[in-house]
Amino acid sequence: MSIAQLNPPSSPHIPVLLTPILDSVKPVSGIWVDGTFGAGGYSRAILDAGADTLYAIDRDPEVFARAEKWAKDYDGRLKLIHGVFARAEKWAKDYDGRLKLIHGTFSDLDTHVKNEGTDLIDGVVLDIGVSSMQLDQAERGFSFMKDGPLDMRMGQSGMSAADIVNSVEEKVLADLIYLYGEERASRRIARNIVKSRENLKFETTFQLVKVIEASLPRPKPGQTHPATRTFQALRIAVNDELGQLVSGLRAAENILREGGMLAVVTFHSLEDRIVKRFIQARSGNNPRGNRYQPEKINDIATFEKIGRKAISATKDEISSNPRARSAKLNYALLDG
């Protein structure tokens, strides 16, 4: 089945690198976790490929409301778990079976699944970062291309991006933008943000975009938007994305059965580096020491790394889904 068949043109989100994930575990069976449910693309594909049960986890309550449009295709096989989604509660009680929806973070995926009476699972899929659906919603504040509240909260609770840019001291803000956004002009941007907020608090995305654009040279044709890195940094900070990723990898390790698969799709170097180092360490392949850095004691080898390098999207996939351009897939099997 092609990606286009799994995701008709009306679909707001196309799962990236889906084909190599499914190809690597044929035949698909057993119990799986989709730790980043989103539009349900990975979940639907894994179920259609033969998984007996799939736990779908997401911190954003809106995604389950959107699932209502296609949930009926699974004829009596849908169950809402930890039901806090007002719109979904109206229909969830009519379904019971293979797809189980959990409102929470994938950093606690082992706890969520064990709470439902399952001790070991056969596979975990994680698609890290913001979804195209969230970017398309101006009111969520993720996009520098749409004017809306400066929010960026995936779970719609806690500190927002506006809270950070209006309250964090200049040095901390500059470090945040540099470390999470890899923005070389972070100090200039932070200085201008602090100066601007003395006169008017930041409330919208375009207010922040205007300050960032004034802090950087006009981009040349083909270059990324000036606000790309700063918005990335704020989103990561607001949602503790890197901390969530580290915890999620450990949680997956805790609950995978022998031979179970961990598949992680990342979209920027910070995420990719964390996943690669985790798999490298857990497969007993820490780098050898040298005179500048002592050799690390290898962790117990719990994973078998699949392939020498991360998998990138093909030209055909990128042409049909530009989001795949920066995607990297790393996966490994739990080695009992």
C-alpha atoms as a PDB file:
ATOM      1  CA  MET A   1       0.000   0.000   0.000  1.00  0.00           C
ATOM      2  CA  SER A   2       1.382   3.412  -0.952  1.00  0.00           C
ATOM      3  CA  ILE A   3       1.671   6.453   1.283  1.00  0.00           C
ATOM      4  CA  ALA A   4      -0.873   8.208  -0.933  1.00  0.00           C
ATOM      5  CA  GLN A   5      -3.382   5.405  -0.309  1.00  0.00           C
ATOM      6  CA  LEU A   6      -2.845   5.611   3.432  1.00  0.00           C
ATOM      7  CA  ASN A   7      -3.192   9.379   3.357  1.00  0.00           C
ATOM      8  CA  PRO A   8      -5.676  10.752   0.822  1.00  0.00           C
ATOM      9  CA  PRO A   9      -5.153  14.298  -0.495  1.00  0.00           C
ATOM     10  CA  SER A  10      -7.465  15.687   2.195  1.00  0.00           C
ATOM     11  CA  SER A  11      -5.177  14.378   4.942  1.00  0.00           C
ATOM     12  CA  PRO A  12      -3.561  17.254   6.880  1.00  0.00           C
ATOM     13  CA  HIS A  13      -0.428  15.278   7.723  1.00  0.00           C
ATOM     14  CA  ILE A  14       1.560  12.624   5.853  1.00  0.00           C
ATOM     15  CA  PRO A  15       3.681  10.306   8.021  1.00  0.00           C
ATOM     16  CA  VAL A  16       7.355  10.571   7.103  1.00  0.00           C
ATOM     17  CA  LEU A  17       9.560   7.543   6.346  1.00  0.00           C
ATOM     18  CA  LEU A  18       6.630   5.206   6.921  1.00  0.00           C
ATOM     19  CA  THR A  19       7.602   2.673   4.239  1.00  0.00           C
ATOM     20  CA  PRO A  20      11.058   1.779   5.649  1.00  0.00           C
ATOM     21  CA  ILE A  21       9.550   1.413   9.125  1.00  0.00           C
ATOM     22  CA  LEU A  22       6.947  -1.087   7.928  1.00  0.00           C
ATOM     23  CA  ASP A  23       9.397  -2.879   5.616  1.00  0.00           C
ATOM     24  CA  SER A  24      11.812  -3.477   8.481  1.00  0.00           C
ATOM     25  CA  VAL A  25       9.339  -5.466  10.588  1.00  0.00           C
ATOM     26  CA  LYS A  26       7.348  -7.524   8.088  1.00  0.00           C
ATOM     27  CA  PRO A  27       5.081  -9.103   9.084  1.00  0.00           C
ATOM     28  CA  VAL A  28       3.752  -6.504  11.542  1.00  0.00           C
ATOM     29  CA  SER A  29       2.064  -8.139  14.529  1.00  0.00           C
ATOM     30  CA  GLY A  30       1.620  -7.917  18.282  1.00  0.00           C
ATOM     31  CA  ILE A  31       1.271  -4.804  20.430  1.00  0.00           C
ATOM     32  CA  TRP A  32       2.638  -1.422  19.324  1.00  0.00           C
ATOM     33  CA  VAL A  33       2.881   2.120  20.690  1.00  0.00           C
ATOM     34  CA  ASP A  34       2.622   5.269  18.579  1.00  0.00           C
ATOM     35  CA  GLY A  35       4.004   7.791  21.043  1.00  0.00           C
ATOM     36  CA  THR A  36       3.154  10.819  18.887  1.00  0.00           C
ATOM     37  CA  PHE A  37      -0.334  10.121  17.519  1.00  0.00           C
ATOM     38  CA  GLY A  38      -0.882  13.421  15.670  1.00  0.00           C
ATOM     39  CA  ALA A  39      -3.198  12.789  12.721  1.00  0.00           C
ATOM     40  CA  GLY A  40      -2.961   9.044  13.264  1.00  0.00           C
ATOM     41  CA  GLY A  41      -0.994   8.268  10.101  1.00  0.00           C
ATOM     42  CA  TYR A  42       1.497   5.901  11.709  1.00  0.00           C
ATOM     43  CA  SER A  43      -1.197   4.339  13.906  1.00  0.00           C
ATOM     44  CA  ARG A  44      -3.510   3.572  10.992  1.00  0.00           C
ATOM     45  CA  ALA A  45      -0.676   2.177   8.868  1.00  0.00           C
ATOM     46  CA  ILE A  46       0.603  -0.107  11.631  1.00  0.00           C
ATOM     47  CA  LEU A  47      -2.905  -1.394  12.370  1.00  0.00           C
ATOM     48  CA  ASP A  48      -3.614  -1.942   8.687  1.00  0.00           C
ATOM     49  CA  ALA A  49      -0.309  -3.800   8.376  1.00  0.00           C
ATOM     50  CA  GLY A  50      -1.433  -6.336  10.983  1.00  0.00           C
ATOM     51  CA  ALA A  51      -0.750  -5.111  14.529  1.00  0.00           C
ATOM     52  CA  ASP A  52      -3.118  -6.726  17.043  1.00  0.00           C
ATOM     53  CA  THR A  53      -3.261  -3.701  19.364  1.00  0.00           C
ATOM     54  CA  LEU A  54      -1.896  -0.187  19.186  1.00  0.00           C
ATOM     55  CA  TYR A  55      -1.623   2.330  22.021  1.00  0.00           C
ATOM     56  CA  ALA A  56      -1.711   5.868  20.617  1.00  0.00           C
ATOM     57  CA  ILE A  57      -0.362   8.575  22.917  1.00  0.00           C
ATOM     58  CA  ASP A  58      -0.497  12.344  22.478  1.00  0.00           C
ATOM     59  CA  ARG A  59      -0.303  15.307  24.834  1.00  0.00           C
ATOM     60  CA  ASP A  60      -2.488  17.457  22.570  1.00  0.00           C
ATOM     61  CA  PRO A  61      -6.184  16.811  23.336  1.00  0.00           C
ATOM     62  CA  GLU A  62      -7.250  18.224  19.960  1.00  0.00           C
ATOM     63  CA  VAL A  63      -5.795  15.325  17.991  1.00  0.00           C
ATOM     64  CA  PHE A  64      -8.345  12.861  19.324  1.00  0.00           C
ATOM     65  CA  ALA A  65     -11.218  15.101  18.316  1.00  0.00           C
ATOM     66  CA  ARG A  66      -9.856  15.049  14.761  1.00  0.00           C
ATOM     67  CA  ALA A  67      -9.626  11.241  14.895  1.00  0.00           C
ATOM     68  CA  GLU A  68     -13.431  11.125  14.996  1.00  0.00           C
ATOM     69  CA  LYS A  69     -13.475  11.581  11.214  1.00  0.00           C
ATOM     70  CA  TRP A  70     -11.776   8.263  10.507  1.00  0.00           C
ATOM     71  CA  ALA A  71     -12.303   6.239  13.675  1.00  0.00           C
ATOM     72  CA  LYS A  72     -15.517   4.717  12.315  1.00  0.00           C
ATOM     73  CA  ASP A  73     -13.443   2.944   9.660  1.00  0.00           C
ATOM     74  CA  TYR A  74     -12.302   0.544  12.386  1.00  0.00           C
ATOM     75  CA  ASP A  75     -15.825  -0.797  13.032  1.00  0.00           C
ATOM     76  CA  GLY A  76     -16.125  -1.263  16.752  1.00  0.00           C
ATOM     77  CA  ARG A  77     -12.399  -1.497  17.478  1.00  0.00           C
ATOM     78  CA  LEU A  78     -11.670   1.855  19.121  1.00  0.00           C
ATOM     79  CA  LYS A  79     -11.448   2.563  22.811  1.00  0.00           C
ATOM     80  CA  LEU A  80     -10.720   5.889  24.479  1.00  0.00           C
ATOM     81  CA  ILE A  81      -8.431   5.605  27.491  1.00  0.00           C
ATOM     82  CA  HIS A  82      -8.079   8.290  30.178  1.00  0.00           C
ATOM     83  CA  GLY A  83     -10.993  10.032  28.467  1.00  0.00           C
ATOM     84  CA  VAL A  84     -10.691  13.764  28.948  1.00  0.00           C
ATOM     85  CA  PHE A  85     -11.533  14.820  25.412  1.00  0.00           C
ATOM     86  CA  ALA A  86     -14.992  16.350  25.461  1.00  0.00           C
ATOM     87  CA  ARG A  87     -15.658  16.015  21.739  1.00  0.00           C
ATOM     88  CA  ALA A  88     -14.379  12.442  21.600  1.00  0.00           C
ATOM     89  CA  GLU A  89     -16.340  11.200  24.624  1.00  0.00           C
ATOM     90  CA  LYS A  90     -19.546  11.372  22.577  1.00  0.00           C
ATOM     91  CA  TRP A  91     -18.427   8.607  20.241  1.00  0.00           C
ATOM     92  CA  ALA A  92     -15.613   6.761  22.038  1.00  0.00           C
ATOM     93  CA  LYS A  93     -17.945   4.618  24.130  1.00  0.00           C
ATOM     94  CA  ASP A  94     -19.183   2.921  20.966  1.00  0.00           C
ATOM     95  CA  TYR A  95     -15.743   1.484  20.185  1.00  0.00           C
ATOM     96  CA  ASP A  96     -13.676  -1.199  21.858  1.00  0.00           C
ATOM     97  CA  GLY A  97     -10.635  -2.999  20.515  1.00  0.00           C
ATOM     98  CA  ARG A  98      -7.386  -2.618  18.674  1.00  0.00           C
ATOM     99  CA  LEU A  99      -6.757   1.150  18.839  1.00  0.00           C
ATOM    100  CA  LYS A 100      -6.434   2.595  22.323  1.00  0.00           C
ATOM    101  CA  LEU A 101      -6.013   6.366  22.732  1.00  0.00           C
ATOM    102  CA  ILE A 102      -4.107   7.764  25.704  1.00  0.00           C
ATOM    103  CA  HIS A 103      -3.855  11.431  26.642  1.00  0.00           C
ATOM    104  CA  GLY A 104      -0.340  11.953  27.950  1.00  0.00           C
ATOM    105  CA  THR A 105       3.309  12.334  27.019  1.00  0.00           C
ATOM    106  CA  PHE A 106       5.380   9.648  25.335  1.00  0.00           C
ATOM    107  CA  SER A 107       8.051  10.189  27.996  1.00  0.00           C
ATOM    108  CA  ASP A 108       5.798   8.075  30.243  1.00  0.00           C
ATOM    109  CA  LEU A 109       4.772   5.550  27.607  1.00  0.00           C
ATOM    110  CA  ASP A 110       5.885   2.582  29.713  1.00  0.00           C
ATOM    111  CA  THR A 111       3.744   3.725  32.631  1.00  0.00           C
ATOM    112  CA  HIS A 112       0.721   4.432  30.404  1.00  0.00           C
ATOM    113  CA  VAL A 113       0.855   1.005  28.789  1.00  0.00           C
ATOM    114  CA  LYS A 114       1.462  -0.877  32.031  1.00  0.00           C
ATOM    115  CA  ASN A 115      -1.488   0.939  33.583  1.00  0.00           C
ATOM    116  CA  GLU A 116      -3.610  -0.665  30.880  1.00  0.00           C
ATOM    117  CA  GLY A 117      -2.422  -4.145  31.853  1.00  0.00           C
ATOM    118  CA  THR A 118       0.270  -4.687  29.204  1.00  0.00           C
ATOM    119  CA  ASP A 119       3.776  -5.571  30.358  1.00  0.00           C
ATOM    120  CA  LEU A 120       5.704  -5.946  27.082  1.00  0.00           C
ATOM    121  CA  ILE A 121       5.182  -4.572  23.583  1.00  0.00           C
ATOM    122  CA  ASP A 122       6.492  -5.356  20.099  1.00  0.00           C
ATOM    123  CA  GLY A 123       7.278  -1.905  18.732  1.00  0.00           C
ATOM    124  CA  VAL A 124       7.464   1.829  19.444  1.00  0.00           C
ATOM    125  CA  VAL A 125       7.256   4.588  16.832  1.00  0.00           C
ATOM    126  CA  LEU A 126       8.099   8.210  17.671  1.00  0.00           C
ATOM    127  CA  ASP A 127       7.774  11.160  15.251  1.00  0.00           C
ATOM    128  CA  ILE A 128       9.529  13.964  17.100  1.00  0.00           C
ATOM    129  CA  GLY A 129       8.681  17.645  16.826  1.00  0.00           C
ATOM    130  CA  VAL A 130       5.733  19.809  15.832  1.00  0.00           C
ATOM    131  CA  SER A 131       3.121  18.503  13.405  1.00  0.00           C
ATOM    132  CA  SER A 132       1.967  20.246  10.248  1.00  0.00           C
ATOM    133  CA  MET A 133      -1.523  20.441  11.758  1.00  0.00           C
ATOM    134  CA  GLN A 134      -0.250  22.442  14.706  1.00  0.00           C
ATOM    135  CA  LEU A 135       1.696  24.741  12.383  1.00  0.00           C
ATOM    136  CA  ASP A 136      -1.430  25.341  10.338  1.00  0.00           C
ATOM    137  CA  GLN A 137      -3.408  26.511  13.371  1.00  0.00           C
ATOM    138  CA  ALA A 138      -2.552  30.188  13.839  1.00  0.00           C
ATOM    139  CA  GLU A 139      -4.158  30.184  17.279  1.00  0.00           C
ATOM    140  CA  ARG A 140      -1.568  27.679  18.543  1.00  0.00           C
ATOM    141  CA  GLY A 141       1.311  30.108  17.907  1.00  0.00           C
ATOM    142  CA  PHE A 142       3.798  27.628  16.424  1.00  0.00           C
ATOM    143  CA  SER A 143       4.203  29.267  13.028  1.00  0.00           C
ATOM    144  CA  PHE A 144       6.149  32.419  12.205  1.00  0.00           C
ATOM    145  CA  MET A 145       4.168  32.549   8.949  1.00  0.00           C
ATOM    146  CA  LYS A 146       0.791  33.021  10.644  1.00  0.00           C
ATOM    147  CA  ASP A 147      -0.162  35.724  13.123  1.00  0.00           C
ATOM    148  CA  GLY A 148      -1.621  34.424  16.351  1.00  0.00           C
ATOM    149  CA  PRO A 149      -1.081  34.240  20.106  1.00  0.00           C
ATOM    150  CA  LEU A 150       2.557  33.531  20.987  1.00  0.00           C
ATOM    151  CA  ASP A 151       1.758  30.203  22.621  1.00  0.00           C
ATOM    152  CA  MET A 152       3.482  27.025  21.269  1.00  0.00           C
ATOM    153  CA  ARG A 153       2.186  24.716  24.007  1.00  0.00           C
ATOM    154  CA  MET A 154       1.500  21.234  22.644  1.00  0.00           C
ATOM    155  CA  GLY A 155      -0.399  20.224  25.758  1.00  0.00           C
ATOM    156  CA  GLN A 156      -2.128  23.610  26.075  1.00  0.00           C
ATOM    157  CA  SER A 157      -0.984  24.058  29.671  1.00  0.00           C
ATOM    158  CA  GLY A 158       2.067  25.430  31.469  1.00  0.00           C
ATOM    159  CA  MET A 159       4.411  28.245  30.459  1.00  0.00           C
ATOM    160  CA  SER A 160       3.894  29.654  26.957  1.00  0.00           C
ATOM    161  CA  ALA A 161       6.415  31.134  24.532  1.00  0.00           C
ATOM    162  CA  ALA A 162       5.115  34.589  25.422  1.00  0.00           C
ATOM    163  CA  ASP A 163       5.856  33.908  29.094  1.00  0.00           C
ATOM    164  CA  ILE A 164       9.452  33.096  28.204  1.00  0.00           C
ATOM    165  CA  VAL A 165      10.204  36.069  25.948  1.00  0.00           C
ATOM    166  CA  ASN A 166       8.501  38.479  28.375  1.00  0.00           C
ATOM    167  CA  SER A 167      10.197  37.313  31.566  1.00  0.00           C
ATOM    168  CA  VAL A 168      13.489  35.478  31.018  1.00  0.00           C
ATOM    169  CA  GLU A 169      16.641  37.540  31.506  1.00  0.00           C
ATOM    170  CA  GLU A 170      18.681  38.402  28.448  1.00  0.00           C
ATOM    171  CA  LYS A 171      21.621  36.013  28.965  1.00  0.00           C
ATOM    172  CA  VAL A 172      19.370  33.029  29.649  1.00  0.00           C
ATOM    173  CA  LEU A 173      17.222  33.875  26.629  1.00  0.00           C
ATOM    174  CA  ALA A 174      20.296  34.173  24.396  1.00  0.00           C
ATOM    175  CA  ASP A 175      21.635  30.818  25.607  1.00  0.00           C
ATOM    176  CA  LEU A 176      18.258  29.196  25.021  1.00  0.00           C
ATOM    177  CA  ILE A 177      18.060  30.481  21.439  1.00  0.00           C
ATOM    178  CA  TYR A 178      21.648  29.436  20.759  1.00  0.00           C
ATOM    179  CA  LEU A 179      21.457  25.953  22.289  1.00  0.00           C
ATOM    180  CA  TYR A 180      17.992  24.910  21.117  1.00  0.00           C
ATOM    181  CA  GLY A 181      17.855  26.868  17.874  1.00  0.00           C
ATOM    182  CA  GLU A 182      21.563  26.778  16.968  1.00  0.00           C
ATOM    183  CA  GLU A 183      21.152  30.461  16.104  1.00  0.00           C
ATOM    184  CA  ARG A 184      24.526  32.247  15.874  1.00  0.00           C
ATOM    185  CA  ALA A 185      22.906  35.676  16.273  1.00  0.00           C
ATOM    186  CA  SER A 186      21.200  34.629  19.506  1.00  0.00           C
ATOM    187  CA  ARG A 187      22.708  37.406  21.644  1.00  0.00           C
ATOM    188  CA  ARG A 188      21.658  40.130  19.237  1.00  0.00           C
ATOM    189  CA  ILE A 189      18.139  38.704  19.019  1.00  0.00           C
ATOM    190  CA  ALA A 190      17.842  38.341  22.792  1.00  0.00           C
ATOM    191  CA  ARG A 191      19.103  41.894  23.331  1.00  0.00           C
ATOM    192  CA  ASN A 192      16.504  43.282  20.933  1.00  0.00           C
ATOM    193  CA  ILE A 193      13.719  41.212  22.472  1.00  0.00           C
ATOM    194  CA  VAL A 194      14.510  42.524  25.939  1.00  0.00           C
ATOM    195  CA  LYS A 195      14.726  46.085  24.655  1.00  0.00           C
ATOM    196  CA  SER A 196      11.377  45.777  22.851  1.00  0.00           C
ATOM    197  CA  ARG A 197       9.524  44.285  25.804  1.00  0.00           C
ATOM    198  CA  GLU A 198      10.391  47.317  27.919  1.00  0.00           C
ATOM    199  CA  ASN A 199       7.801  49.230  25.903  1.00  0.00           C
ATOM    200  CA  LEU A 200       5.304  46.524  24.988  1.00  0.00           C
ATOM    201  CA  LYS A 201       4.881  42.937  26.121  1.00  0.00           C
ATOM    202  CA  PHE A 202       4.982  40.278  23.415  1.00  0.00           C
ATOM    203  CA  GLU A 203       1.575  38.757  22.763  1.00  0.00           C
ATOM    204  CA  THR A 204       1.590  37.612  19.122  1.00  0.00           C
ATOM    205  CA  THR A 205       3.847  35.680  16.784  1.00  0.00           C
ATOM    206  CA  PHE A 206       4.204  38.563  14.333  1.00  0.00           C
ATOM    207  CA  GLN A 207       5.406  40.893  17.107  1.00  0.00           C
ATOM    208  CA  LEU A 208       8.287  38.519  17.733  1.00  0.00           C
ATOM    209  CA  VAL A 209       8.926  37.913  14.025  1.00  0.00           C
ATOM    210  CA  LYS A 210       9.284  41.659  13.462  1.00  0.00           C
ATOM    211  CA  VAL A 211      11.977  41.951  16.142  1.00  0.00           C
ATOM    212  CA  ILE A 212      13.859  38.912  14.839  1.00  0.00           C
ATOM    213  CA  GLU A 213      13.782  40.174  11.254  1.00  0.00           C
ATOM    214  CA  ALA A 214      15.147  43.538  12.404  1.00  0.00           C
ATOM    215  CA  SER A 215      17.988  41.706  14.165  1.00  0.00           C
ATOM    216  CA  LEU A 216      19.243  39.802  11.125  1.00  0.00           C
ATOM    217  CA  PRO A 217      20.292  40.591   7.551  1.00  0.00           C
ATOM    218  CA  ARG A 218      17.639  40.162   4.872  1.00  0.00           C
ATOM    219  CA  PRO A 219      17.750  36.490   3.801  1.00  0.00           C
ATOM    220  CA  LYS A 220      19.026  35.622   0.352  1.00  0.00           C
ATOM    221  CA  PRO A 221      16.837  33.619  -2.050  1.00  0.00           C
ATOM    222  CA  GLY A 222      16.615  30.024  -0.891  1.00  0.00           C
ATOM    223  CA  GLN A 223      17.635  30.745   2.704  1.00  0.00           C
ATOM    224  CA  THR A 224      15.378  29.847   5.616  1.00  0.00           C
ATOM    225  CA  HIS A 225      13.153  32.449   7.229  1.00  0.00           C
ATOM    226  CA  PRO A 226      15.048  34.538   9.833  1.00  0.00           C
ATOM    227  CA  ALA A 227      12.679  33.440  12.616  1.00  0.00           C
ATOM    228  CA  THR A 228      13.049  29.700  11.970  1.00  0.00           C
ATOM    229  CA  ARG A 229      15.727  28.959  14.552  1.00  0.00           C
ATOM    230  CA  THR A 230      14.358  31.210  17.289  1.00  0.00           C
ATOM    231  CA  PHE A 231      10.866  29.747  16.962  1.00  0.00           C
ATOM    232  CA  GLN A 232      12.348  26.254  17.048  1.00  0.00           C
ATOM    233  CA  ALA A 233      14.249  27.098  20.227  1.00  0.00           C
ATOM    234  CA  LEU A 234      11.201  28.519  21.984  1.00  0.00           C
ATOM    235  CA  ARG A 235       9.031  25.551  20.986  1.00  0.00           C
ATOM    236  CA  ILE A 236      11.609  23.092  22.308  1.00  0.00           C
ATOM    237  CA  ALA A 237      11.896  25.006  25.576  1.00  0.00           C
ATOM    238  CA  VAL A 238       8.140  25.418  26.085  1.00  0.00           C
ATOM    239  CA  ASN A 239       7.469  21.710  25.579  1.00  0.00           C
ATOM    240  CA  ASP A 240      10.706  20.318  27.074  1.00  0.00           C
ATOM    241  CA  GLU A 241      11.082  18.366  23.847  1.00  0.00           C
ATOM    242  CA  LEU A 242      14.639  17.167  24.381  1.00  0.00           C
ATOM    243  CA  GLY A 243      13.948  16.071  27.943  1.00  0.00           C
ATOM    244  CA  GLN A 244      10.803  14.302  26.750  1.00  0.00           C
ATOM    245  CA  LEU A 245      12.817  12.536  24.058  1.00  0.00           C
ATOM    246  CA  VAL A 246      15.456  11.228  26.482  1.00  0.00           C
ATOM    247  CA  SER A 247      12.769   9.970  28.860  1.00  0.00           C
ATOM    248  CA  GLY A 248      10.777   8.461  25.999  1.00  0.00           C
ATOM    249  CA  LEU A 249      13.748   6.457  24.741  1.00  0.00           C
ATOM    250  CA  ARG A 250      14.310   5.036  28.217  1.00  0.00           C
ATOM    251  CA  ALA A 251      10.607   4.301  28.599  1.00  0.00           C
ATOM    252  CA  ALA A 252      10.598   2.396  25.314  1.00  0.00           C
ATOM    253  CA  GLU A 253      13.593   0.381  26.457  1.00  0.00           C
ATOM    254  CA  ASN A 254      11.749  -0.505  29.660  1.00  0.00           C
ATOM    255  CA  ILE A 255       8.727  -2.018  27.944  1.00  0.00           C
ATOM    256  CA  LEU A 256       9.916  -3.529  24.639  1.00  0.00           C
ATOM    257  CA  ARG A 257      10.065  -7.305  24.467  1.00  0.00           C
ATOM    258  CA  GLU A 258      13.130  -9.140  23.146  1.00  0.00           C
ATOM    259  CA  GLY A 259      13.327  -8.408  19.418  1.00  0.00           C
ATOM    260  CA  GLY A 260      10.956  -5.463  19.739  1.00  0.00           C
ATOM    261  CA  MET A 261      11.582  -2.424  17.527  1.00  0.00           C
ATOM    262  CA  LEU A 262      12.274   1.189  18.438  1.00  0.00           C
ATOM    263  CA  ALA A 263      11.832   3.527  15.443  1.00  0.00           C
ATOM    264  CA  VAL A 264      12.403   7.278  15.864  1.00  0.00           C
ATOM    265  CA  VAL A 265      11.940   9.956  13.188  1.00  0.00           C
ATOM    266  CA  THR A 266      13.721  13.244  13.896  1.00  0.00           C
ATOM    267  CA  PHE A 267      13.824  16.563  12.052  1.00  0.00           C
ATOM    268  CA  HIS A 268      16.850  18.461  13.352  1.00  0.00           C
ATOM    269  CA  SER A 269      20.346  17.749  14.562  1.00  0.00           C
ATOM    270  CA  LEU A 270      19.673  18.087  18.294  1.00  0.00           C
ATOM    271  CA  GLU A 271      17.049  15.342  18.259  1.00  0.00           C
ATOM    272  CA  ASP A 272      19.010  13.154  15.862  1.00  0.00           C
ATOM    273  CA  ARG A 273      22.127  13.411  18.026  1.00  0.00           C
ATOM    274  CA  ILE A 274      20.239  12.324  21.155  1.00  0.00           C
ATOM    275  CA  VAL A 275      18.709   9.297  19.434  1.00  0.00           C
ATOM    276  CA  LYS A 276      21.965   8.208  17.823  1.00  0.00           C
ATOM    277  CA  ARG A 277      23.925   8.494  21.061  1.00  0.00           C
ATOM    278  CA  PHE A 278      21.258   6.590  22.992  1.00  0.00           C
ATOM    279  CA  ILE A 279      21.224   3.707  20.510  1.00  0.00           C
ATOM    280  CA  GLN A 280      25.008   3.739  20.265  1.00  0.00           C
ATOM    281  CA  ALA A 281      25.411   3.551  24.028  1.00  0.00           C
ATOM    282  CA  ARG A 282      22.713   0.940  24.451  1.00  0.00           C
ATOM    283  CA  SER A 283      24.219  -1.239  21.739  1.00  0.00           C
ATOM    284  CA  GLY A 284      27.548  -1.286  23.574  1.00  0.00           C
ATOM    285  CA  ASN A 285      29.332   0.884  21.024  1.00  0.00           C
ATOM    286  CA  ASN A 286      30.438   3.997  22.876  1.00  0.00           C
ATOM    287  CA  PRO A 287      33.404   5.698  21.150  1.00  0.00           C
ATOM    288  CA  ARG A 288      36.844   4.589  22.251  1.00  0.00           C
ATOM    289  CA  GLY A 289      38.764   6.919  24.508  1.00  0.00           C
ATOM    290  CA  ASN A 290      41.708   9.115  23.596  1.00  0.00           C
ATOM    291  CA  ARG A 291      44.149  11.369  25.412  1.00  0.00           C
ATOM    292  CA  TYR A 292      41.605  14.203  25.467  1.00  0.00           C
ATOM    293  CA  GLN A 293      38.630  12.176  26.630  1.00  0.00           C
ATOM    294  CA  PRO A 294      38.775   9.005  28.733  1.00  0.00           C
ATOM    295  CA  GLU A 295      37.019   5.935  27.421  1.00  0.00           C
ATOM    296  CA  LYS A 296      33.462   5.595  28.665  1.00  0.00           C
ATOM    297  CA  ILE A 297      32.283   2.411  30.299  1.00  0.00           C
ATOM    298  CA  ASN A 298      29.784   0.894  27.894  1.00  0.00           C
ATOM    299  CA  ASP A 299      26.209   0.508  29.020  1.00  0.00           C
ATOM    300  CA  ILE A 300      24.814  -2.990  29.068  1.00  0.00           C
ATOM    301  CA  ALA A 301      24.017  -3.802  25.440  1.00  0.00           C
ATOM    302  CA  THR A 302      20.240  -3.819  25.313  1.00  0.00           C
ATOM    303  CA  PHE A 303      19.741  -2.803  21.665  1.00  0.00           C
ATOM    304  CA  GLU A 304      21.004  -4.020  18.314  1.00  0.00           C
ATOM    305  CA  LYS A 305      21.417  -1.058  15.974  1.00  0.00           C
ATOM    306  CA  ILE A 306      19.965  -1.595  12.498  1.00  0.00           C
ATOM    307  CA  GLY A 307      22.080  -0.118   9.717  1.00  0.00           C
ATOM    308  CA  ARG A 308      25.197   2.030   9.980  1.00  0.00           C
ATOM    309  CA  LYS A 309      23.506   5.334   9.190  1.00  0.00           C
ATOM    310  CA  ALA A 310      20.148   6.963   9.710  1.00  0.00           C
ATOM    311  CA  ILE A 311      17.683   6.558   6.834  1.00  0.00           C
ATOM    312  CA  SER A 312      16.689   9.637   4.841  1.00  0.00           C
ATOM    313  CA  ALA A 313      13.665  10.131   2.618  1.00  0.00           C
ATOM    314  CA  THR A 314      13.892   9.300  -1.074  1.00  0.00           C
ATOM    315  CA  LYS A 315      13.556  11.972  -3.756  1.00  0.00           C
ATOM    316  CA  ASP A 316      10.061  10.688  -4.558  1.00  0.00           C
ATOM    317  CA  GLU A 317       8.922  11.020  -0.945  1.00  0.00           C
ATOM    318  CA  ILE A 318      10.389  14.515  -0.649  1.00  0.00           C
ATOM    319  CA  SER A 319       8.648  15.621  -3.836  1.00  0.00           C
ATOM    320  CA  SER A 320       5.285  14.462  -2.487  1.00  0.00           C
ATOM    321  CA  ASN A 321       5.950  15.552   1.092  1.00  0.00           C
ATOM    322  CA  PRO A 322       8.486  18.410   1.506  1.00  0.00           C
ATOM    323  CA  ARG A 323       8.407  17.917   5.294  1.00  0.00           C
ATOM    324  CA  ALA A 324      10.440  14.747   4.720  1.00  0.00           C
ATOM    325  CA  ARG A 325      13.457  16.725   3.459  1.00  0.00           C
ATOM    326  CA  SER A 326      15.126  17.020   6.866  1.00  0.00           C
ATOM    327  CA  ALA A 327      13.789  13.783   8.363  1.00  0.00           C
ATOM    328  CA  LYS A 328      16.055  11.038   9.661  1.00  0.00           C
ATOM    329  CA  LEU A 329      14.997   7.573  10.786  1.00  0.00           C
ATOM    330  CA  ASN A 330      17.015   5.697  13.385  1.00  0.00           C
ATOM    331  CA  TYR A 331      15.865   2.307  14.585  1.00  0.00           C
ATOM    332  CA  ALA A 332      17.064  -0.620  16.610  1.00  0.00           C
ATOM    333  CA  LEU A 333      15.870  -3.955  17.974  1.00  0.00           C
ATOM    334  CA  LEU A 334      15.864  -4.796  21.670  1.00  0.00           C
ATOM    335  CA  ASP A 335      18.534  -7.418  22.157  1.00  0.00           C
ATOM    336  CA  GLY A 336      17.489  -9.641  24.987  1.00  0.00           C
END
